[in-house]
Amino acid sequence: MPENKYDFGLVGLGVMGRNFILNVADNGFRAYGYDLDQEKVTALQKEGGDLDKVNATSDMKTFINSLQLPRKIMQ
């Protein structure tokens, strides 16, 4: 689990979800994604580059605990 919490969470890292979360991160927010497919998680982590700005997991508990309160989650 990251030390610093993320501003925004997104469930679903398909093409639209991945592009949306990268856009959110490009606009100054720390974004965290969730997907059951580990390949999609890994792809987002690689494409995002800086894990302090954009990251992802396939574990729901990690996802929830990585978000600032109040949590902002889009699905």
N, C-alpha and C. Protein backbone atom coordinates (compact mmCIF):
# COMPACT_ATOMS: atom_id res chain seq x y z
N MET A 1 0.84 -1.18 0.00
CA MET A 1 0.00 0.00 0.00
C MET A 1 0.88 1.24 0.00
N PRO A 2 0.54 2.24 -0.80
CA PRO A 2 1.37 3.44 -0.89
C PRO A 2 1.31 4.27 0.39
N GLU A 3 2.42 4.97 0.68
CA GLU A 3 2.46 5.86 1.85
C GLU A 3 1.49 7.02 1.65
N ASN A 4 1.56 7.68 0.50
CA ASN A 4 0.68 8.81 0.20
C ASN A 4 -0.57 8.28 -0.47
N LYS A 5 -1.70 8.80 -0.08
CA LYS A 5 -2.96 8.35 -0.64
C LYS A 5 -3.24 9.03 -1.97
N TYR A 6 -4.01 8.36 -2.80
CA TYR A 6 -4.38 8.86 -4.12
C TYR A 6 -5.68 9.66 -4.04
N ASP A 7 -5.83 10.65 -4.94
CA ASP A 7 -6.98 11.55 -4.96
C ASP A 7 -8.24 10.91 -5.54
N PHE A 8 -8.06 9.97 -6.46
CA PHE A 8 -9.16 9.50 -7.29
C PHE A 8 -8.96 8.02 -7.60
N GLY A 9 -10.04 7.26 -7.59
CA GLY A 9 -9.97 5.84 -7.94
C GLY A 9 -10.90 5.52 -9.09
N LEU A 10 -10.47 4.57 -9.92
CA LEU A 10 -11.28 4.15 -11.07
C LEU A 10 -11.33 2.63 -11.12
N VAL A 11 -12.53 2.08 -11.24
CA VAL A 11 -12.73 0.64 -11.38
C VAL A 11 -12.88 0.33 -12.86
N GLY A 12 -12.01 -0.52 -13.37
CA GLY A 12 -12.06 -0.93 -14.78
C GLY A 12 -10.98 -0.26 -15.60
N LEU A 13 -10.01 -1.03 -16.03
CA LEU A 13 -8.86 -0.47 -16.74
C LEU A 13 -8.78 -0.95 -18.18
N GLY A 14 -9.92 -1.06 -18.83
CA GLY A 14 -9.93 -1.34 -20.26
C GLY A 14 -9.43 -0.10 -21.00
N VAL A 15 -9.62 -0.05 -22.29
CA VAL A 15 -9.11 1.06 -23.10
C VAL A 15 -9.63 2.41 -22.58
N MET A 16 -10.93 2.52 -22.38
CA MET A 16 -11.50 3.79 -21.92
C MET A 16 -11.05 4.12 -20.49
N GLY A 17 -11.08 3.14 -19.61
CA GLY A 17 -10.68 3.37 -18.23
C GLY A 17 -9.22 3.76 -18.11
N ARG A 18 -8.36 3.07 -18.84
CA ARG A 18 -6.92 3.37 -18.80
C ARG A 18 -6.66 4.80 -19.30
N ASN A 19 -7.27 5.16 -20.42
CA ASN A 19 -7.09 6.51 -20.96
C ASN A 19 -7.65 7.57 -20.02
N PHE A 20 -8.78 7.28 -19.40
CA PHE A 20 -9.38 8.24 -18.47
C PHE A 20 -8.47 8.48 -17.26
N ILE A 21 -7.96 7.41 -16.68
CA ILE A 21 -7.13 7.55 -15.48
C ILE A 21 -5.80 8.24 -15.81
N LEU A 22 -5.25 8.00 -16.99
CA LEU A 22 -4.03 8.69 -17.41
C LEU A 22 -4.30 10.18 -17.61
N ASN A 23 -5.47 10.51 -18.14
CA ASN A 23 -5.84 11.91 -18.32
C ASN A 23 -6.00 12.61 -16.98
N VAL A 24 -6.64 11.96 -16.03
CA VAL A 24 -6.80 12.51 -14.68
C VAL A 24 -5.43 12.80 -14.07
N ALA A 25 -4.51 11.85 -14.22
CA ALA A 25 -3.15 12.03 -13.68
C ALA A 25 -2.41 13.15 -14.40
N ASP A 26 -2.61 13.27 -15.70
CA ASP A 26 -1.97 14.35 -16.47
C ASP A 26 -2.47 15.73 -16.05
N ASN A 27 -3.64 15.77 -15.42
CA ASN A 27 -4.21 17.04 -15.00
C ASN A 27 -3.99 17.32 -13.51
N GLY A 28 -2.97 16.70 -12.95
CA GLY A 28 -2.52 17.06 -11.61
C GLY A 28 -3.10 16.27 -10.46
N PHE A 29 -3.87 15.24 -10.74
CA PHE A 29 -4.43 14.43 -9.67
C PHE A 29 -3.68 13.11 -9.57
N ARG A 30 -3.58 12.59 -8.37
CA ARG A 30 -2.97 11.27 -8.15
C ARG A 30 -4.09 10.25 -8.30
N ALA A 31 -3.96 9.35 -9.26
CA ALA A 31 -5.05 8.44 -9.61
C ALA A 31 -4.65 6.98 -9.40
N TYR A 32 -5.61 6.19 -8.93
CA TYR A 32 -5.37 4.78 -8.62
C TYR A 32 -6.46 3.94 -9.28
N GLY A 33 -6.05 2.92 -10.01
CA GLY A 33 -6.98 2.08 -10.74
C GLY A 33 -7.13 0.70 -10.13
N TYR A 34 -8.24 0.06 -10.46
CA TYR A 34 -8.52 -1.31 -10.02
C TYR A 34 -9.07 -2.11 -11.20
N ASP A 35 -8.54 -3.31 -11.36
CA ASP A 35 -9.06 -4.24 -12.35
C ASP A 35 -8.70 -5.66 -11.91
N LEU A 36 -9.56 -6.61 -12.16
CA LEU A 36 -9.27 -8.00 -11.82
C LEU A 36 -8.18 -8.59 -12.71
N ASP A 37 -8.01 -8.03 -13.90
CA ASP A 37 -7.02 -8.52 -14.87
C ASP A 37 -5.65 -7.92 -14.57
N GLN A 38 -4.73 -8.74 -14.08
CA GLN A 38 -3.40 -8.26 -13.70
C GLN A 38 -2.64 -7.68 -14.89
N GLU A 39 -2.90 -8.17 -16.09
CA GLU A 39 -2.24 -7.61 -17.28
C GLU A 39 -2.63 -6.15 -17.49
N LYS A 40 -3.89 -5.81 -17.24
CA LYS A 40 -4.34 -4.42 -17.38
C LYS A 40 -3.72 -3.54 -16.29
N VAL A 41 -3.59 -4.09 -15.10
CA VAL A 41 -2.94 -3.36 -13.99
C VAL A 41 -1.50 -3.05 -14.36
N THR A 42 -0.78 -4.06 -14.83
CA THR A 42 0.63 -3.89 -15.20
C THR A 42 0.78 -2.90 -16.36
N ALA A 43 -0.11 -2.99 -17.34
CA ALA A 43 -0.05 -2.08 -18.48
C ALA A 43 -0.23 -0.62 -18.03
N LEU A 44 -1.16 -0.37 -17.12
CA LEU A 44 -1.36 1.00 -16.62
C LEU A 44 -0.14 1.48 -15.85
N GLN A 45 0.42 0.63 -15.02
CA GLN A 45 1.60 1.01 -14.25
C GLN A 45 2.76 1.38 -15.17
N LYS A 46 2.96 0.61 -16.22
CA LYS A 46 4.04 0.91 -17.18
C LYS A 46 3.75 2.20 -17.94
N GLU A 47 2.53 2.33 -18.43
CA GLU A 47 2.19 3.51 -19.25
C GLU A 47 2.17 4.78 -18.41
N GLY A 48 1.74 4.68 -17.15
CA GLY A 48 1.69 5.84 -16.27
C GLY A 48 3.06 6.35 -15.89
N GLY A 49 4.03 5.45 -15.82
CA GLY A 49 5.41 5.84 -15.55
C GLY A 49 5.73 6.13 -14.11
N ASP A 50 5.13 7.12 -13.51
CA ASP A 50 5.42 7.54 -12.15
C ASP A 50 4.35 6.97 -11.22
N LEU A 51 4.71 5.95 -10.43
CA LEU A 51 3.73 5.28 -9.57
C LEU A 51 3.21 6.17 -8.45
N ASP A 52 3.86 7.29 -8.20
CA ASP A 52 3.34 8.25 -7.22
C ASP A 52 2.17 9.05 -7.80
N LYS A 53 2.06 9.10 -9.13
CA LYS A 53 0.98 9.84 -9.78
C LYS A 53 -0.15 8.93 -10.24
N VAL A 54 0.21 7.76 -10.76
CA VAL A 54 -0.80 6.82 -11.26
C VAL A 54 -0.33 5.40 -10.96
N ASN A 55 -1.25 4.62 -10.39
CA ASN A 55 -0.91 3.26 -10.01
C ASN A 55 -2.19 2.44 -10.10
N ALA A 56 -2.06 1.13 -9.89
CA ALA A 56 -3.22 0.26 -9.98
C ALA A 56 -2.98 -1.03 -9.20
N THR A 57 -4.07 -1.75 -8.97
CA THR A 57 -4.00 -3.02 -8.26
C THR A 57 -5.13 -3.93 -8.73
N SER A 58 -5.00 -5.22 -8.44
CA SER A 58 -6.09 -6.16 -8.69
C SER A 58 -6.68 -6.63 -7.36
N ASP A 59 -6.30 -5.97 -6.26
CA ASP A 59 -6.78 -6.32 -4.92
C ASP A 59 -7.70 -5.19 -4.41
N MET A 60 -8.97 -5.51 -4.19
CA MET A 60 -9.95 -4.50 -3.80
C MET A 60 -9.59 -3.82 -2.48
N LYS A 61 -9.12 -4.55 -1.50
CA LYS A 61 -8.78 -3.95 -0.21
C LYS A 61 -7.66 -2.93 -0.37
N THR A 62 -6.64 -3.26 -1.16
CA THR A 62 -5.54 -2.33 -1.43
C THR A 62 -6.07 -1.09 -2.13
N PHE A 63 -6.95 -1.29 -3.10
CA PHE A 63 -7.55 -0.17 -3.85
C PHE A 63 -8.25 0.79 -2.89
N ILE A 64 -9.15 0.27 -2.06
CA ILE A 64 -9.92 1.10 -1.13
C ILE A 64 -9.00 1.82 -0.15
N ASN A 65 -8.03 1.12 0.39
CA ASN A 65 -7.13 1.70 1.40
C ASN A 65 -6.13 2.69 0.82
N SER A 66 -6.00 2.74 -0.50
CA SER A 66 -5.04 3.63 -1.14
C SER A 66 -5.63 4.99 -1.49
N LEU A 67 -6.92 5.19 -1.21
CA LEU A 67 -7.60 6.43 -1.58
C LEU A 67 -7.80 7.34 -0.38
N GLN A 68 -7.63 8.65 -0.63
CA GLN A 68 -7.88 9.67 0.40
C GLN A 68 -9.36 9.67 0.79
N LEU A 69 -9.61 10.06 2.01
CA LEU A 69 -10.99 10.25 2.47
C LEU A 69 -11.40 11.69 2.24
N PRO A 70 -12.63 11.99 1.86
CA PRO A 70 -13.61 11.03 1.39
C PRO A 70 -13.18 10.46 0.04
N ARG A 71 -13.44 9.18 -0.14
CA ARG A 71 -13.01 8.50 -1.36
C ARG A 71 -13.85 8.96 -2.56
N LYS A 72 -13.14 9.18 -3.67
CA LYS A 72 -13.78 9.52 -4.94
C LYS A 72 -13.50 8.37 -5.90
N ILE A 73 -14.53 7.58 -6.20
CA ILE A 73 -14.37 6.39 -7.03
C ILE A 73 -15.35 6.45 -8.18
N MET A 74 -14.84 6.18 -9.37
CA MET A 74 -15.68 6.11 -10.57
C MET A 74 -15.63 4.68 -11.08
N GLN A 75 -16.77 4.18 -11.57
CA GLN A 75 -16.77 2.84 -12.15
C GLN A 75 -17.50 2.83 -13.46
